[in-house]
Amino acid sequence: MDIWNFAEYAAWAVSGILAIIIVLDWIRIDTTYSSEVLTSSREGEIEAMTEEHRL
C-alpha cells in the first residue's frame, strides 16, 4: 500500500467520525428541545431584549 491508500482510508475514517458526531448531536438536540423551540424565530427577539443601546 502506498501513501495514497492510507490517505484514502484516513479520509473515510474522518468522514465516518464526523457522520457519527452529527447523528449524535441531532439526537441530543431532538431530545432536549421541542419542535416549537427549534422552529421558532425568537433569536431576533432575544437579541433585541438583551441589547443595550446608549446614545
N, C-alpha and C. Protein backbone atom coordinates (compact mmCIF):
# COMPACT_ATOMS: atom_id res chain seq x y z
N MET A 1 0.84 -1.18 0.00
CA MET A 1 0.00 0.00 0.00
C MET A 1 0.89 1.24 0.00
N ASP A 2 0.47 2.20 -0.77
CA ASP A 2 1.22 3.44 -0.80
C ASP A 2 0.53 4.51 0.05
N ILE A 3 1.10 5.68 0.08
CA ILE A 3 0.62 6.77 0.92
C ILE A 3 -0.80 7.17 0.55
N TRP A 4 -1.15 7.04 -0.72
CA TRP A 4 -2.49 7.48 -1.16
C TRP A 4 -3.59 6.56 -0.64
N ASN A 5 -3.29 5.28 -0.52
CA ASN A 5 -4.26 4.37 0.07
C ASN A 5 -4.49 4.68 1.55
N PHE A 6 -3.42 4.98 2.26
CA PHE A 6 -3.56 5.36 3.66
C PHE A 6 -4.34 6.67 3.80
N ALA A 7 -4.06 7.62 2.91
CA ALA A 7 -4.78 8.89 2.94
C ALA A 7 -6.26 8.68 2.66
N GLU A 8 -6.57 7.77 1.73
CA GLU A 8 -7.98 7.49 1.42
C GLU A 8 -8.69 6.88 2.62
N TYR A 9 -8.05 5.91 3.27
CA TYR A 9 -8.66 5.29 4.46
C TYR A 9 -8.81 6.29 5.60
N ALA A 10 -7.83 7.16 5.76
CA ALA A 10 -7.92 8.19 6.79
C ALA A 10 -9.08 9.15 6.50
N ALA A 11 -9.26 9.51 5.23
CA ALA A 11 -10.36 10.41 4.88
C ALA A 11 -11.71 9.73 5.14
N TRP A 12 -11.82 8.45 4.82
CA TRP A 12 -13.07 7.74 5.11
C TRP A 12 -13.31 7.63 6.61
N ALA A 13 -12.25 7.42 7.37
CA ALA A 13 -12.39 7.34 8.83
C ALA A 13 -12.86 8.67 9.40
N VAL A 14 -12.26 9.76 8.96
CA VAL A 14 -12.67 11.09 9.42
C VAL A 14 -14.11 11.36 9.02
N SER A 15 -14.48 10.98 7.82
CA SER A 15 -15.85 11.16 7.35
C SER A 15 -16.83 10.38 8.21
N GLY A 16 -16.49 9.16 8.56
CA GLY A 16 -17.36 8.34 9.41
C GLY A 16 -17.48 8.92 10.81
N ILE A 17 -16.38 9.40 11.36
CA ILE A 17 -16.42 10.00 12.69
C ILE A 17 -17.30 11.25 12.68
N LEU A 18 -17.15 12.08 11.67
CA LEU A 18 -17.99 13.29 11.58
C LEU A 18 -19.46 12.93 11.42
N ALA A 19 -19.76 11.89 10.65
CA ALA A 19 -21.15 11.46 10.49
C ALA A 19 -21.74 11.00 11.82
N ILE A 20 -20.95 10.27 12.60
CA ILE A 20 -21.42 9.81 13.91
C ILE A 20 -21.65 10.99 14.85
N ILE A 21 -20.74 11.97 14.83
CA ILE A 21 -20.91 13.17 15.67
C ILE A 21 -22.17 13.92 15.28
N ILE A 22 -22.42 14.05 13.98
CA ILE A 22 -23.61 14.77 13.52
C ILE A 22 -24.88 14.06 13.98
N VAL A 23 -24.92 12.74 13.85
CA VAL A 23 -26.11 11.98 14.24
C VAL A 23 -26.32 12.05 15.76
N LEU A 24 -25.25 11.94 16.53
CA LEU A 24 -25.38 12.03 17.98
C LEU A 24 -25.85 13.42 18.41
N ASP A 25 -25.34 14.46 17.76
CA ASP A 25 -25.77 15.82 18.07
C ASP A 25 -27.23 16.01 17.68
N TRP A 26 -27.64 15.45 16.56
CA TRP A 26 -29.04 15.53 16.11
C TRP A 26 -29.95 14.88 17.16
N ILE A 27 -29.57 13.71 17.64
CA ILE A 27 -30.39 13.01 18.64
C ILE A 27 -30.43 13.81 19.94
N ARG A 28 -29.29 14.36 20.36
CA ARG A 28 -29.24 15.14 21.61
C ARG A 28 -30.11 16.38 21.51
N ILE A 29 -30.02 17.10 20.41
CA ILE A 29 -30.82 18.32 20.23
C ILE A 29 -32.30 17.96 20.12
N ASP A 30 -32.61 16.88 19.41
CA ASP A 30 -34.01 16.48 19.23
C ASP A 30 -34.66 16.07 20.54
N THR A 31 -33.90 15.47 21.44
CA THR A 31 -34.48 15.06 22.72
C THR A 31 -34.46 16.18 23.74
N THR A 32 -33.63 17.19 23.55
CA THR A 32 -33.52 18.29 24.51
C THR A 32 -34.56 19.36 24.27
N TYR A 33 -34.80 19.71 23.00
CA TYR A 33 -35.68 20.82 22.67
C TYR A 33 -36.91 20.33 21.92
N SER A 34 -38.03 21.03 22.11
CA SER A 34 -39.26 20.67 21.40
C SER A 34 -39.23 21.23 19.98
N SER A 35 -40.13 20.74 19.16
CA SER A 35 -40.20 21.21 17.78
C SER A 35 -40.57 22.69 17.71
N GLU A 36 -41.37 23.15 18.66
CA GLU A 36 -41.76 24.55 18.66
C GLU A 36 -40.55 25.46 18.88
N VAL A 37 -39.67 25.06 19.78
CA VAL A 37 -38.48 25.86 20.05
C VAL A 37 -37.54 25.83 18.85
N LEU A 38 -37.38 24.66 18.25
CA LEU A 38 -36.44 24.53 17.14
C LEU A 38 -36.92 25.25 15.88
N THR A 39 -38.22 25.41 15.72
CA THR A 39 -38.72 26.06 14.51
C THR A 39 -39.13 27.51 14.75
N SER A 40 -38.93 28.02 15.97
CA SER A 40 -39.31 29.40 16.24
C SER A 40 -38.24 30.34 15.73
N SER A 41 -38.61 31.59 15.61
CA SER A 41 -37.66 32.61 15.18
C SER A 41 -37.48 33.64 16.28
N ARG A 42 -37.31 33.16 17.50
CA ARG A 42 -37.19 34.03 18.66
C ARG A 42 -35.79 34.61 18.81
N GLU A 43 -34.83 34.18 18.00
CA GLU A 43 -33.47 34.65 18.18
C GLU A 43 -33.40 36.17 18.09
N GLY A 44 -34.10 36.75 17.13
CA GLY A 44 -34.11 38.19 16.99
C GLY A 44 -34.73 38.88 18.18
N GLU A 45 -35.78 38.31 18.73
CA GLU A 45 -36.43 38.88 19.91
C GLU A 45 -35.51 38.81 21.12
N ILE A 46 -34.80 37.71 21.28
CA ILE A 46 -33.90 37.56 22.42
C ILE A 46 -32.76 38.56 22.30
N GLU A 47 -32.21 38.71 21.10
CA GLU A 47 -31.14 39.68 20.91
C GLU A 47 -31.63 41.08 21.19
N ALA A 48 -32.82 41.41 20.73
CA ALA A 48 -33.36 42.75 20.92
C ALA A 48 -33.57 43.05 22.40
N MET A 49 -33.94 42.04 23.17
CA MET A 49 -34.17 42.25 24.61
C MET A 49 -32.86 42.41 25.36
N THR A 50 -31.79 41.77 24.92
CA THR A 50 -30.53 41.80 25.66
C THR A 50 -29.63 42.93 25.24
N GLU A 51 -29.87 43.52 24.08
CA GLU A 51 -29.01 44.61 23.62
C GLU A 51 -29.32 45.90 24.38
N GLU A 52 -28.27 46.62 24.67
CA GLU A 52 -28.45 47.91 25.31
C GLU A 52 -27.89 48.98 24.38
N HIS A 53 -28.75 49.91 23.99
CA HIS A 53 -28.33 51.00 23.12
C HIS A 53 -28.20 52.27 23.95
N ARG A 54 -27.06 52.86 23.87
CA ARG A 54 -26.83 54.12 24.59
C ARG A 54 -26.48 55.20 23.60
N LEU A 55 -27.10 56.31 23.74
CA LEU A 55 -26.83 57.44 22.86
C LEU A 55 -26.02 58.50 23.56
